[in-house]
Amino acid sequence: MTEEEVLHEFRASDALLEGHFKLSSGRHSAHYLQCARVLMNPERAGRLALALVQKIPREVRSKIDLVVSPAMGGLIIGHEMGRALGKDAIFVERPTGTFELRRGFAIKPGTKVLMVEDVVTTGLSSREAMECVKAEGGDIIAEAALVDRSAGEVDLGVPFFPLVAINFPTYADEEVPADLAAIPVTKPGSRAEKK
């Protein structure tokens, strides 16, 4: 799947939004990718997961024992990646602000884990989820994501395989351009911004 084909999937599902958004990272952007909308169609979610699997080198894919994703954003694509890889898929969640395993999920020490996210911007959420997996004894061998918003700048400490890299500029509070600041801000997403 080409970058344009991926973006077409987002546009076709009204998942590529324009306006003034405050991201969960705390940064501002004129664009927001609502992955829940692009993934709400099971056929589309399956296609995107298969395309994402193809981005991961065969030698990495062959080592994967388990797929782990952070809730909420990574849940659907993580599940679809598990299906595409023929591996179990579980998720970590933050009931008290810190990622943890719940619902009877467990990771055996030494399990080779593929982390899966919907969108990576700063990588903070990914790194926090990885800490949880490591604390349980998992060995994270790579991360995959539908979208890399960091323009290839994010360092997750493991090989990173995004389906598409998009360079929509983001801004700190004091950097927001006047034309963007003139638009009322919307806070999309599933969690509170990082302080």
C-alpha atoms as a PDB file:
ATOM      1  CA  MET A   1       0.000   0.000   0.000  1.00  0.00           C
ATOM      2  CA  THR A   2       1.475   3.353  -1.015  1.00  0.00           C
ATOM      3  CA  GLU A   3       1.405   6.466   1.182  1.00  0.00           C
ATOM      4  CA  GLU A   4      -1.256   7.975  -1.065  1.00  0.00           C
ATOM      5  CA  GLU A   5      -3.392   4.820  -0.787  1.00  0.00           C
ATOM      6  CA  VAL A   6      -3.103   4.957   3.010  1.00  0.00           C
ATOM      7  CA  LEU A   7      -4.110   8.634   3.070  1.00  0.00           C
ATOM      8  CA  HIS A   8      -7.004   7.796   0.749  1.00  0.00           C
ATOM      9  CA  GLU A   9      -8.243   5.290   3.365  1.00  0.00           C
ATOM     10  CA  PHE A  10      -8.136   8.071   5.991  1.00  0.00           C
ATOM     11  CA  ARG A  11      -9.915  10.578   3.736  1.00  0.00           C
ATOM     12  CA  ALA A  12     -12.544   8.031   2.659  1.00  0.00           C
ATOM     13  CA  SER A  13     -13.494   7.441   6.305  1.00  0.00           C
ATOM     14  CA  ASP A  14     -13.414  11.146   7.283  1.00  0.00           C
ATOM     15  CA  ALA A  15     -10.479  10.331   9.567  1.00  0.00           C
ATOM     16  CA  LEU A  16      -8.148  13.100   8.340  1.00  0.00           C
ATOM     17  CA  LEU A  17      -9.404  16.185  10.158  1.00  0.00           C
ATOM     18  CA  GLU A  18      -8.412  19.827   9.713  1.00  0.00           C
ATOM     19  CA  GLY A  19      -8.792  22.601  12.279  1.00  0.00           C
ATOM     20  CA  HIS A  20      -6.934  23.445  15.506  1.00  0.00           C
ATOM     21  CA  PHE A  21      -6.239  20.413  17.649  1.00  0.00           C
ATOM     22  CA  LYS A  22      -4.464  19.964  20.953  1.00  0.00           C
ATOM     23  CA  LEU A  23      -2.873  16.529  20.866  1.00  0.00           C
ATOM     24  CA  SER A  24      -2.452  14.235  23.869  1.00  0.00           C
ATOM     25  CA  SER A  25       1.255  15.158  23.766  1.00  0.00           C
ATOM     26  CA  GLY A  26       0.180  18.724  24.624  1.00  0.00           C
ATOM     27  CA  ARG A  27       1.280  20.033  21.212  1.00  0.00           C
ATOM     28  CA  HIS A  28      -0.990  21.862  18.751  1.00  0.00           C
ATOM     29  CA  SER A  29      -1.652  20.872  15.144  1.00  0.00           C
ATOM     30  CA  ALA A  30      -3.789  21.919  12.189  1.00  0.00           C
ATOM     31  CA  HIS A  31      -4.331  18.227  11.345  1.00  0.00           C
ATOM     32  CA  TYR A  32      -5.592  15.263  13.323  1.00  0.00           C
ATOM     33  CA  LEU A  33      -5.772  11.623  12.293  1.00  0.00           C
ATOM     34  CA  GLN A  34      -8.760   9.970  13.942  1.00  0.00           C
ATOM     35  CA  CYS A  35      -7.622   6.370  13.595  1.00  0.00           C
ATOM     36  CA  ALA A  36     -10.747   5.044  15.294  1.00  0.00           C
ATOM     37  CA  ARG A  37     -12.716   6.195  12.237  1.00  0.00           C
ATOM     38  CA  VAL A  38     -10.377   4.583   9.715  1.00  0.00           C
ATOM     39  CA  LEU A  39     -10.397   1.359  11.766  1.00  0.00           C
ATOM     40  CA  MET A  40     -14.157   1.214  12.402  1.00  0.00           C
ATOM     41  CA  ASN A  41     -14.626  -0.744   9.195  1.00  0.00           C
ATOM     42  CA  PRO A  42     -13.288  -4.294   9.735  1.00  0.00           C
ATOM     43  CA  GLU A  43     -12.376  -4.756   6.062  1.00  0.00           C
ATOM     44  CA  ARG A  44     -10.357  -1.528   6.017  1.00  0.00           C
ATOM     45  CA  ALA A  45      -8.727  -2.317   9.373  1.00  0.00           C
ATOM     46  CA  GLY A  46      -7.704  -5.723   8.053  1.00  0.00           C
ATOM     47  CA  ARG A  47      -6.236  -4.226   4.864  1.00  0.00           C
ATOM     48  CA  LEU A  48      -4.229  -1.676   6.835  1.00  0.00           C
ATOM     49  CA  ALA A  49      -2.934  -4.348   9.225  1.00  0.00           C
ATOM     50  CA  LEU A  50      -1.834  -6.585   6.341  1.00  0.00           C
ATOM     51  CA  ALA A  51      -0.053  -3.627   4.733  1.00  0.00           C
ATOM     52  CA  LEU A  52       1.622  -2.814   8.053  1.00  0.00           C
ATOM     53  CA  VAL A  53       2.774  -6.424   8.511  1.00  0.00           C
ATOM     54  CA  GLN A  54       4.487  -6.157   5.115  1.00  0.00           C
ATOM     55  CA  LYS A  55       6.529  -3.189   6.404  1.00  0.00           C
ATOM     56  CA  ILE A  56       8.092  -5.388   9.091  1.00  0.00           C
ATOM     57  CA  PRO A  57      11.099  -7.356   7.825  1.00  0.00           C
ATOM     58  CA  ARG A  58      10.591 -11.129   7.681  1.00  0.00           C
ATOM     59  CA  GLU A  59      13.439 -11.754  10.148  1.00  0.00           C
ATOM     60  CA  VAL A  60      11.629  -9.579  12.727  1.00  0.00           C
ATOM     61  CA  ARG A  61       8.188 -11.057  12.000  1.00  0.00           C
ATOM     62  CA  SER A  62       9.522 -14.583  12.512  1.00  0.00           C
ATOM     63  CA  LYS A  63      10.550 -13.752  16.104  1.00  0.00           C
ATOM     64  CA  ILE A  64       7.239 -12.262  17.291  1.00  0.00           C
ATOM     65  CA  ASP A  65       5.458 -14.226  20.039  1.00  0.00           C
ATOM     66  CA  LEU A  66       2.876 -11.639  21.133  1.00  0.00           C
ATOM     67  CA  VAL A  67       1.381  -8.329  20.013  1.00  0.00           C
ATOM     68  CA  VAL A  68       0.843  -5.682  22.708  1.00  0.00           C
ATOM     69  CA  SER A  69      -0.809  -2.321  22.207  1.00  0.00           C
ATOM     70  CA  PRO A  70      -1.758   0.560  24.474  1.00  0.00           C
ATOM     71  CA  ALA A  71      -5.463   1.152  25.029  1.00  0.00           C
ATOM     72  CA  MET A  72      -7.390   2.912  23.667  1.00  0.00           C
ATOM     73  CA  GLY A  73      -5.829   4.034  20.388  1.00  0.00           C
ATOM     74  CA  GLY A  74      -3.759   0.946  19.666  1.00  0.00           C
ATOM     75  CA  LEU A  75      -6.401  -1.611  20.595  1.00  0.00           C
ATOM     76  CA  ILE A  76      -8.060  -2.182  17.217  1.00  0.00           C
ATOM     77  CA  ILE A  77      -4.921  -2.090  15.077  1.00  0.00           C
ATOM     78  CA  GLY A  78      -3.130  -4.261  17.656  1.00  0.00           C
ATOM     79  CA  HIS A  79      -5.886  -6.867  17.423  1.00  0.00           C
ATOM     80  CA  GLU A  80      -5.816  -6.781  13.617  1.00  0.00           C
ATOM     81  CA  MET A  81      -2.007  -7.103  13.642  1.00  0.00           C
ATOM     82  CA  GLY A  82      -2.346 -10.158  15.880  1.00  0.00           C
ATOM     83  CA  ARG A  83      -4.789 -11.643  13.376  1.00  0.00           C
ATOM     84  CA  ALA A  84      -2.518 -10.855  10.411  1.00  0.00           C
ATOM     85  CA  LEU A  85       0.507 -12.367  12.173  1.00  0.00           C
ATOM     86  CA  GLY A  86      -1.357 -15.349  13.628  1.00  0.00           C
ATOM     87  CA  LYS A  87      -0.356 -14.278  17.162  1.00  0.00           C
ATOM     88  CA  ASP A  88      -2.255 -13.416  20.326  1.00  0.00           C
ATOM     89  CA  ALA A  89      -2.844  -9.707  20.878  1.00  0.00           C
ATOM     90  CA  ILE A  90      -3.284  -8.097  24.283  1.00  0.00           C
ATOM     91  CA  PHE A  91      -3.308  -4.534  25.534  1.00  0.00           C
ATOM     92  CA  VAL A  92      -2.113  -2.431  28.426  1.00  0.00           C
ATOM     93  CA  GLU A  93      -4.287   0.271  29.924  1.00  0.00           C
ATOM     94  CA  ARG A  94      -4.041   3.179  32.365  1.00  0.00           C
ATOM     95  CA  PRO A  95      -6.815   2.955  34.948  1.00  0.00           C
ATOM     96  CA  THR A  96      -4.801   5.137  37.345  1.00  0.00           C
ATOM     97  CA  GLY A  97      -2.574   6.993  34.866  1.00  0.00           C
ATOM     98  CA  THR A  98       0.187   4.376  34.553  1.00  0.00           C
ATOM     99  CA  PHE A  99       0.094   1.506  32.071  1.00  0.00           C
ATOM    100  CA  GLU A 100      -0.594  -1.924  33.517  1.00  0.00           C
ATOM    101  CA  LEU A 101      -1.789  -5.353  32.471  1.00  0.00           C
ATOM    102  CA  ARG A 102      -5.334  -6.193  33.549  1.00  0.00           C
ATOM    103  CA  ARG A 103      -8.168  -8.535  32.529  1.00  0.00           C
ATOM    104  CA  GLY A 104      -6.093 -11.622  33.271  1.00  0.00           C
ATOM    105  CA  PHE A 105      -3.442 -10.746  30.670  1.00  0.00           C
ATOM    106  CA  ALA A 106       0.081 -11.901  31.446  1.00  0.00           C
ATOM    107  CA  ILE A 107       3.422 -11.871  29.660  1.00  0.00           C
ATOM    108  CA  LYS A 108       5.795 -14.745  30.266  1.00  0.00           C
ATOM    109  CA  PRO A 109       9.409 -13.646  30.844  1.00  0.00           C
ATOM    110  CA  GLY A 110      11.352 -13.651  27.582  1.00  0.00           C
ATOM    111  CA  THR A 111       8.268 -13.339  25.369  1.00  0.00           C
ATOM    112  CA  LYS A 112       9.206 -11.528  22.131  1.00  0.00           C
ATOM    113  CA  VAL A 113       6.776  -8.614  21.839  1.00  0.00           C
ATOM    114  CA  LEU A 114       5.741  -6.426  18.931  1.00  0.00           C
ATOM    115  CA  MET A 115       4.319  -3.133  20.241  1.00  0.00           C
ATOM    116  CA  VAL A 116       1.591  -1.714  17.999  1.00  0.00           C
ATOM    117  CA  GLU A 117       0.231   1.858  18.067  1.00  0.00           C
ATOM    118  CA  ASP A 118      -2.184   3.772  15.894  1.00  0.00           C
ATOM    119  CA  VAL A 119      -0.233   7.078  15.781  1.00  0.00           C
ATOM    120  CA  VAL A 120       3.198   7.959  17.148  1.00  0.00           C
ATOM    121  CA  THR A 121       3.980  11.660  17.578  1.00  0.00           C
ATOM    122  CA  THR A 122       6.495  12.075  20.398  1.00  0.00           C
ATOM    123  CA  GLY A 123       6.723   8.386  21.337  1.00  0.00           C
ATOM    124  CA  LEU A 124       5.908   9.077  24.995  1.00  0.00           C
ATOM    125  CA  SER A 125       2.899   6.749  25.110  1.00  0.00           C
ATOM    126  CA  SER A 126       4.859   4.004  23.355  1.00  0.00           C
ATOM    127  CA  ARG A 127       7.803   4.281  25.734  1.00  0.00           C
ATOM    128  CA  GLU A 128       5.467   4.206  28.754  1.00  0.00           C
ATOM    129  CA  ALA A 129       3.703   1.095  27.416  1.00  0.00           C
ATOM    130  CA  MET A 130       7.083  -0.529  26.749  1.00  0.00           C
ATOM    131  CA  GLU A 131       8.109   0.050  30.381  1.00  0.00           C
ATOM    132  CA  CYS A 132       5.043  -1.883  31.491  1.00  0.00           C
ATOM    133  CA  VAL A 133       5.844  -4.769  29.132  1.00  0.00           C
ATOM    134  CA  LYS A 134       9.482  -4.844  30.266  1.00  0.00           C
ATOM    135  CA  ALA A 135       8.403  -4.847  33.922  1.00  0.00           C
ATOM    136  CA  GLU A 136       6.378  -7.990  33.149  1.00  0.00           C
ATOM    137  CA  GLY A 137       9.446  -9.639  31.597  1.00  0.00           C
ATOM    138  CA  GLY A 138       8.587  -9.077  27.923  1.00  0.00           C
ATOM    139  CA  ASP A 139      11.329  -8.450  25.360  1.00  0.00           C
ATOM    140  CA  ILE A 140      10.202  -5.748  22.935  1.00  0.00           C
ATOM    141  CA  ILE A 141      11.790  -6.477  19.574  1.00  0.00           C
ATOM    142  CA  ALA A 142      10.086  -3.758  17.497  1.00  0.00           C
ATOM    143  CA  GLU A 143       7.201  -1.317  17.252  1.00  0.00           C
ATOM    144  CA  ALA A 144       4.781  -0.860  14.365  1.00  0.00           C
ATOM    145  CA  ALA A 145       2.271   1.965  13.888  1.00  0.00           C
ATOM    146  CA  LEU A 146      -0.193   3.069  11.283  1.00  0.00           C
ATOM    147  CA  VAL A 147       1.190   6.621  11.315  1.00  0.00           C
ATOM    148  CA  ASP A 148       4.492   8.193  12.312  1.00  0.00           C
ATOM    149  CA  ARG A 149       3.778  11.899  12.888  1.00  0.00           C
ATOM    150  CA  SER A 150       7.358  12.559  14.003  1.00  0.00           C
ATOM    151  CA  ALA A 151       8.732  12.810  10.453  1.00  0.00           C
ATOM    152  CA  GLY A 152      11.124   9.979  11.279  1.00  0.00           C
ATOM    153  CA  GLU A 153      12.544  11.788  14.318  1.00  0.00           C
ATOM    154  CA  VAL A 154      11.121   9.638  17.122  1.00  0.00           C
ATOM    155  CA  ASP A 155      13.495   7.275  18.921  1.00  0.00           C
ATOM    156  CA  LEU A 156      11.682   4.408  20.627  1.00  0.00           C
ATOM    157  CA  GLY A 157      14.815   2.430  21.438  1.00  0.00           C
ATOM    158  CA  VAL A 158      13.679  -0.435  19.185  1.00  0.00           C
ATOM    159  CA  PRO A 159      13.242  -0.757  15.417  1.00  0.00           C
ATOM    160  CA  PHE A 160      10.162   1.211  14.335  1.00  0.00           C
ATOM    161  CA  PHE A 161       8.023   0.310  11.331  1.00  0.00           C
ATOM    162  CA  PRO A 162       5.248   2.801  10.468  1.00  0.00           C
ATOM    163  CA  LEU A 163       2.852   2.247   7.591  1.00  0.00           C
ATOM    164  CA  VAL A 164       3.121   5.903   6.660  1.00  0.00           C
ATOM    165  CA  ALA A 165       5.189   8.850   7.889  1.00  0.00           C
ATOM    166  CA  ILE A 166       3.378  12.169   7.828  1.00  0.00           C
ATOM    167  CA  ASN A 167       4.997  15.479   8.612  1.00  0.00           C
ATOM    168  CA  PHE A 168       2.118  17.615   9.839  1.00  0.00           C
ATOM    169  CA  PRO A 169       3.808  20.330  11.901  1.00  0.00           C
ATOM    170  CA  THR A 170       3.063  20.458  15.613  1.00  0.00           C
ATOM    171  CA  TYR A 171       3.622  23.378  17.947  1.00  0.00           C
ATOM    172  CA  ALA A 172       4.231  23.974  21.637  1.00  0.00           C
ATOM    173  CA  ASP A 173       1.779  26.392  23.312  1.00  0.00           C
ATOM    174  CA  GLU A 174       4.130  29.346  22.818  1.00  0.00           C
ATOM    175  CA  GLU A 175       4.856  28.458  19.156  1.00  0.00           C
ATOM    176  CA  VAL A 176       1.291  28.317  17.766  1.00  0.00           C
ATOM    177  CA  PRO A 177       1.093  30.491  14.626  1.00  0.00           C
ATOM    178  CA  ALA A 178      -1.426  33.347  14.732  1.00  0.00           C
ATOM    179  CA  ASP A 179      -3.624  31.865  11.979  1.00  0.00           C
ATOM    180  CA  LEU A 180      -3.909  28.578  13.896  1.00  0.00           C
ATOM    181  CA  ALA A 181      -4.437  30.352  17.242  1.00  0.00           C
ATOM    182  CA  ALA A 182      -7.390  32.188  15.684  1.00  0.00           C
ATOM    183  CA  ILE A 183      -9.237  28.847  15.306  1.00  0.00           C
ATOM    184  CA  PRO A 184     -10.980  27.474  18.420  1.00  0.00           C
ATOM    185  CA  VAL A 185      -8.988  24.532  19.787  1.00  0.00           C
ATOM    186  CA  THR A 186     -10.424  21.005  19.890  1.00  0.00           C
ATOM    187  CA  LYS A 187      -9.060  18.230  22.123  1.00  0.00           C
ATOM    188  CA  PRO A 188      -9.724  14.946  20.303  1.00  0.00           C
ATOM    189  CA  GLY A 189      -8.405  11.558  21.364  1.00  0.00           C
ATOM    190  CA  SER A 190      -8.945   9.202  24.234  1.00  0.00           C
ATOM    191  CA  ARG A 191      -6.765  10.554  27.037  1.00  0.00           C
ATOM    192  CA  ALA A 192      -5.825  13.710  28.797  1.00  0.00           C
ATOM    193  CA  GLU A 193      -2.782  15.553  27.546  1.00  0.00           C
ATOM    194  CA  LYS A 194       0.574  15.096  29.234  1.00  0.00           C
ATOM    195  CA  LYS A 195       1.600  17.810  31.638  1.00  0.00           C
END
